[in-house]
Amino acid sequence: MAQRHPAWAPPLLAIQFLTRIPVPGTASLSAQQVATGLLQAVGWFPLVGAGIGAITAAIALAAASIWPALVAVLIALAIEARLTGAFHEDAVADFCDAFGGGLTADDVRRIMKDSRIGSFGSLGLILAVGLRAALTLAVIETMPPLLAFLTIVAAASFGRLMVVLLMTLVAPAPQGTGLAKDVASGVSLSMLIKALVTALPGLLGFAMLAPLALVAAALGAWAFLWWFRALLLSRIGGSSGDCLGFAAYASQLILLLAATAVL
């Protein structure tokens, strides 16, 4: 009989999964409790994302009062990468490598010598991080501090919410790894509803001040996720952990793009 996870486990496991912050209490959980708790933890991803976004936004705004805005943004993104273990940045690079190079992994030597392996990942990561830095810079420079703070928080929460939505749209690939393999197959409509509820703290303030931007972001992300779902099904038969991480980063960029275009 599987051990039931404690009620407090899912939010703490969500923090442990999405960040490198030491989380007290989780060490006492058994492997079975962690496995069952992690499934429920998915519903807390948007709230943890909002917390990460709040830290990033606070650092960027505080640093901008001392240094040029670009320097402040780079400092904030660097600290965020340390806080999260560059979790999604790694997913972006891996996804771009796999889908850009398009080679199998049967011949290790051939892969290591092929110039396309690594090149697409590096290029994709540079473009993604560069675009995020540019958009965050635009947010800091053109918006009032409160709206800038709420925009960065909303983007971080929105990206994690879209991951949960993608889990309900596409099953893990036969050779899927990471979050897709361990958790995604068990994500249900009720878990998506929980994720929507935990996304409210991160999205509500932004929705009140910039409703059109949020609507534009939601429509853009919805279109992206359906295109992305079709791509995953046609290429690898489902999702993987890196694909979910790429979707989170891309969705975050979509909200920042919508915010800077509309506001």
Protein backbone atom coordinates (compact mmCIF):
# COMPACT_ATOMS: atom_id res chain seq x y z
CA MET A 1 0.00 0.00 0.00
CA ALA A 2 1.44 3.37 -1.02
CA GLN A 3 2.28 5.79 1.78
CA ARG A 4 0.18 8.93 1.75
CA HIS A 5 2.12 12.16 1.65
CA PRO A 6 1.51 14.73 4.43
CA ALA A 7 -0.72 17.69 3.55
CA TRP A 8 2.21 20.08 3.82
CA ALA A 9 4.39 18.13 1.40
CA PRO A 10 3.14 19.29 -2.06
CA PRO A 11 3.94 23.04 -1.73
CA LEU A 12 7.32 22.29 -0.17
CA LEU A 13 8.11 19.75 -2.88
CA ALA A 14 7.14 22.33 -5.51
CA ILE A 15 9.70 24.73 -4.01
CA GLN A 16 12.29 21.97 -3.87
CA PHE A 17 11.66 20.94 -7.47
CA LEU A 18 11.67 24.42 -9.03
CA THR A 19 14.43 26.03 -6.96
CA ARG A 20 17.67 25.26 -5.18
CA ILE A 21 16.36 26.67 -1.91
CA PRO A 22 16.93 24.22 0.98
CA VAL A 23 13.49 23.04 2.10
CA PRO A 24 13.25 21.74 5.69
CA GLY A 25 11.07 18.73 6.34
CA THR A 26 11.25 17.06 2.93
CA ALA A 27 14.20 14.89 3.92
CA SER A 28 11.92 12.92 6.25
CA LEU A 29 9.63 11.86 3.41
CA SER A 30 9.93 8.38 1.94
CA ALA A 31 10.49 7.83 -1.76
CA GLN A 32 6.84 6.82 -2.16
CA GLN A 33 5.64 9.94 -0.33
CA VAL A 34 7.83 12.13 -2.53
CA ALA A 35 6.45 10.46 -5.67
CA THR A 36 2.82 10.93 -4.66
CA GLY A 37 3.49 14.41 -3.25
CA LEU A 38 5.22 15.59 -6.40
CA LEU A 39 2.12 14.84 -8.44
CA GLN A 40 0.15 17.18 -6.19
CA ALA A 41 3.02 19.67 -6.16
CA VAL A 42 2.38 20.48 -9.82
CA GLY A 43 -0.67 22.44 -8.76
CA TRP A 44 1.57 24.73 -6.70
CA PHE A 45 3.99 25.55 -9.54
CA PRO A 46 2.39 28.91 -10.45
CA LEU A 47 2.59 30.14 -6.84
CA VAL A 48 6.25 29.14 -6.58
CA GLY A 49 6.79 30.86 -9.93
CA ALA A 50 5.23 34.03 -8.51
CA GLY A 51 7.66 33.88 -5.60
CA ILE A 52 10.61 33.49 -7.95
CA GLY A 53 9.32 36.38 -10.06
CA ALA A 54 8.90 38.57 -6.98
CA ILE A 55 12.52 38.00 -6.00
CA THR A 56 13.72 38.75 -9.53
CA ALA A 57 11.58 41.87 -9.81
CA ALA A 58 12.62 43.20 -6.41
CA ILE A 59 16.30 42.73 -7.19
CA ALA A 60 15.98 44.32 -10.64
CA LEU A 61 14.11 47.37 -9.34
CA ALA A 62 16.43 47.81 -6.36
CA ALA A 63 19.55 47.44 -8.49
CA ALA A 64 18.16 49.88 -11.06
CA SER A 65 18.23 52.59 -8.41
CA ILE A 66 22.01 52.13 -8.16
CA TRP A 67 23.21 50.98 -11.58
CA PRO A 68 22.03 51.39 -15.19
CA ALA A 69 18.84 49.43 -15.90
CA LEU A 70 20.57 46.91 -18.17
CA VAL A 71 23.11 46.09 -15.47
CA ALA A 72 20.28 45.74 -12.95
CA VAL A 73 18.38 43.34 -15.20
CA LEU A 74 21.45 41.17 -15.82
CA ILE A 75 22.18 41.03 -12.09
CA ALA A 76 18.58 40.02 -11.35
CA LEU A 77 18.52 37.31 -14.04
CA ALA A 78 21.87 35.95 -12.88
CA ILE A 79 20.64 35.68 -9.30
CA GLU A 80 17.43 34.05 -10.50
CA ALA A 81 19.45 31.50 -12.50
CA ARG A 82 21.39 30.68 -9.35
CA LEU A 83 18.19 30.47 -7.32
CA THR A 84 16.55 28.06 -9.77
CA GLY A 85 19.67 26.20 -10.85
CA ALA A 86 19.14 27.56 -14.38
CA PHE A 87 16.42 24.91 -14.59
CA HIS A 88 14.50 26.34 -17.53
CA GLU A 89 17.55 27.76 -19.29
CA ASP A 90 18.97 24.23 -19.41
CA ALA A 91 15.67 23.00 -20.85
CA VAL A 92 15.78 25.67 -23.57
CA ALA A 93 19.30 24.65 -24.59
CA ASP A 94 18.50 20.93 -24.58
CA PHE A 95 15.29 21.41 -26.56
CA CYS A 96 17.01 23.54 -29.19
CA ASP A 97 19.79 20.98 -29.50
CA ALA A 98 17.40 18.07 -29.96
CA PHE A 99 14.91 19.71 -32.28
CA GLY A 100 17.46 21.88 -34.09
CA GLY A 101 20.08 19.20 -34.74
CA GLY A 102 17.57 16.44 -35.30
CA LEU A 103 20.07 13.55 -34.92
CA THR A 104 19.65 10.27 -33.02
CA ALA A 105 21.77 9.38 -30.02
CA ASP A 106 22.91 5.95 -31.22
CA ASP A 107 26.41 6.92 -32.18
CA VAL A 108 27.96 8.90 -29.32
CA ARG A 109 31.12 9.75 -31.23
CA ARG A 110 29.20 11.01 -34.22
CA ILE A 111 27.04 13.21 -32.01
CA MET A 112 30.01 14.70 -30.19
CA LYS A 113 31.79 15.49 -33.47
CA ASP A 114 28.72 16.88 -35.20
CA SER A 115 28.83 20.68 -35.20
CA ARG A 116 25.05 20.89 -34.99
CA ILE A 117 25.01 19.36 -31.52
CA GLY A 118 25.61 22.20 -29.08
CA SER A 119 25.43 24.92 -31.70
CA PHE A 120 21.62 25.02 -31.76
CA GLY A 121 21.47 24.81 -27.99
CA SER A 122 23.91 27.67 -27.53
CA LEU A 123 22.18 29.80 -30.15
CA GLY A 124 18.72 29.09 -28.76
CA LEU A 125 19.80 29.87 -25.20
CA ILE A 126 21.50 33.12 -26.21
CA LEU A 127 18.44 34.25 -28.15
CA ALA A 128 16.00 33.25 -25.40
CA VAL A 129 17.93 34.82 -22.53
CA GLY A 130 18.76 37.86 -24.64
CA LEU A 131 15.10 38.35 -25.52
CA ARG A 132 14.05 37.97 -21.90
CA ALA A 133 16.71 40.45 -20.78
CA ALA A 134 15.62 42.95 -23.45
CA LEU A 135 11.94 42.61 -22.53
CA THR A 136 12.65 42.86 -18.80
CA LEU A 137 14.74 45.95 -19.50
CA ALA A 138 11.82 47.48 -21.40
CA VAL A 139 9.52 46.69 -18.49
CA ILE A 140 11.87 48.33 -15.97
CA GLU A 141 12.48 51.41 -18.11
CA THR A 142 8.99 52.14 -19.44
CA MET A 143 6.58 51.09 -16.68
CA PRO A 144 5.91 52.55 -13.23
CA PRO A 145 7.70 50.51 -10.54
CA LEU A 146 4.52 48.82 -9.25
CA LEU A 147 3.39 47.75 -12.72
CA ALA A 148 6.92 46.62 -13.60
CA PHE A 149 7.03 44.50 -10.45
CA LEU A 150 3.61 42.96 -11.14
CA THR A 151 4.52 42.28 -14.78
CA ILE A 152 7.67 40.34 -13.92
CA VAL A 153 5.83 38.38 -11.21
CA ALA A 154 2.94 37.62 -13.58
CA ALA A 155 5.29 36.38 -16.30
CA ALA A 156 7.00 33.95 -13.93
CA SER A 157 3.69 32.61 -12.62
CA PHE A 158 2.16 32.48 -16.11
CA GLY A 159 5.02 30.39 -17.46
CA ARG A 160 4.61 27.73 -14.77
CA LEU A 161 0.84 27.70 -15.26
CA MET A 162 1.26 26.99 -18.97
CA VAL A 163 3.43 23.98 -18.10
CA VAL A 164 0.54 22.47 -16.15
CA LEU A 165 -1.82 23.20 -19.04
CA LEU A 166 0.56 21.53 -21.50
CA MET A 167 0.65 18.45 -19.28
CA THR A 168 -3.11 18.12 -19.71
CA LEU A 169 -2.84 18.55 -23.50
CA VAL A 170 -0.12 16.03 -24.34
CA ALA A 171 1.03 12.79 -22.73
CA PRO A 172 4.68 11.99 -22.06
CA ALA A 173 6.68 10.65 -24.98
CA PRO A 174 7.49 6.92 -24.91
CA GLN A 175 11.09 7.79 -24.08
CA GLY A 176 10.18 10.87 -22.03
CA THR A 177 12.36 11.93 -19.13
CA GLY A 178 12.17 14.18 -16.09
CA LEU A 179 8.92 15.77 -15.02
CA ALA A 180 7.04 14.49 -18.08
CA LYS A 181 7.89 10.87 -17.34
CA ASP A 182 7.40 10.98 -13.57
CA VAL A 183 4.40 13.25 -13.18
CA ALA A 184 2.73 14.53 -16.35
CA SER A 185 0.79 11.35 -17.10
CA GLY A 186 -1.08 11.79 -13.81
CA VAL A 187 -2.02 15.46 -14.19
CA SER A 188 -5.79 15.83 -14.42
CA LEU A 189 -8.33 18.60 -14.88
CA SER A 190 -8.59 18.99 -11.10
CA MET A 191 -4.85 19.61 -10.93
CA LEU A 192 -5.14 22.26 -13.64
CA ILE A 193 -7.90 23.95 -11.63
CA LYS A 194 -5.65 23.94 -8.57
CA ALA A 195 -2.87 25.48 -10.66
CA LEU A 196 -5.28 28.19 -11.84
CA VAL A 197 -6.13 28.97 -8.21
CA THR A 198 -2.49 29.14 -7.12
CA ALA A 199 -1.74 31.36 -10.12
CA LEU A 200 -4.13 34.04 -8.85
CA PRO A 201 -1.68 35.69 -6.42
CA GLY A 202 0.82 36.15 -9.23
CA LEU A 203 -1.63 37.22 -11.94
CA LEU A 204 -4.35 39.17 -10.15
CA GLY A 205 -2.48 42.45 -9.69
CA PHE A 206 -1.29 42.43 -13.28
CA ALA A 207 -4.80 41.56 -14.50
CA MET A 208 -6.25 44.53 -12.64
CA LEU A 209 -3.74 47.02 -14.06
CA ALA A 210 -3.25 45.50 -17.52
CA PRO A 211 -6.23 43.30 -18.46
CA LEU A 212 -5.72 43.64 -22.22
CA ALA A 213 -2.10 42.55 -21.94
CA LEU A 214 -3.10 39.45 -19.97
CA VAL A 215 -5.80 38.57 -22.51
CA ALA A 216 -3.29 38.99 -25.35
CA ALA A 217 -0.77 36.80 -23.50
CA ALA A 218 -3.40 34.11 -22.84
CA LEU A 219 -4.43 34.00 -26.50
CA GLY A 220 -0.81 33.93 -27.67
CA ALA A 221 0.13 31.20 -25.22
CA TRP A 222 -2.92 29.13 -26.16
CA ALA A 223 -1.96 29.28 -29.84
CA PHE A 224 1.66 28.46 -29.00
CA LEU A 225 0.74 25.47 -26.85
CA TRP A 226 -1.45 23.90 -29.54
CA TRP A 227 1.29 24.39 -32.15
CA PHE A 228 3.86 23.05 -29.68
CA ARG A 229 1.67 20.04 -28.90
CA ALA A 230 1.43 19.19 -32.60
CA LEU A 231 5.20 19.53 -32.95
CA LEU A 232 5.90 17.24 -30.00
CA LEU A 233 3.45 14.59 -31.16
CA SER A 234 4.84 14.58 -34.70
CA ARG A 235 8.51 14.53 -33.71
CA ILE A 236 8.79 12.45 -30.53
CA GLY A 237 5.27 11.21 -29.80
CA GLY A 238 4.70 13.31 -26.66
CA SER A 239 6.40 15.59 -24.18
CA SER A 240 9.59 15.38 -22.15
CA GLY A 241 10.96 17.28 -19.17
CA ASP A 242 13.02 19.57 -21.40
CA CYS A 243 10.00 20.26 -23.61
CA LEU A 244 7.98 21.31 -20.56
CA GLY A 245 10.80 23.57 -19.42
CA PHE A 246 11.02 25.14 -22.88
CA ALA A 247 7.26 25.76 -22.83
CA ALA A 248 7.55 27.50 -19.45
CA TYR A 249 10.28 29.82 -20.70
CA ALA A 250 8.49 30.53 -23.98
CA SER A 251 5.21 31.29 -22.19
CA GLN A 252 7.02 33.68 -19.89
CA LEU A 253 8.38 35.48 -22.95
CA ILE A 254 4.90 35.61 -24.48
CA LEU A 255 3.50 37.49 -21.50
CA LEU A 256 6.45 39.90 -21.50
CA LEU A 257 5.97 40.45 -25.23
CA ALA A 258 2.27 41.12 -24.74
CA ALA A 259 2.92 43.49 -21.83
CA THR A 260 5.53 45.54 -23.63
CA ALA A 261 3.42 45.69 -26.81
CA VAL A 262 0.14 46.69 -25.18
CA LEU A 263 1.33 48.93 -22.33
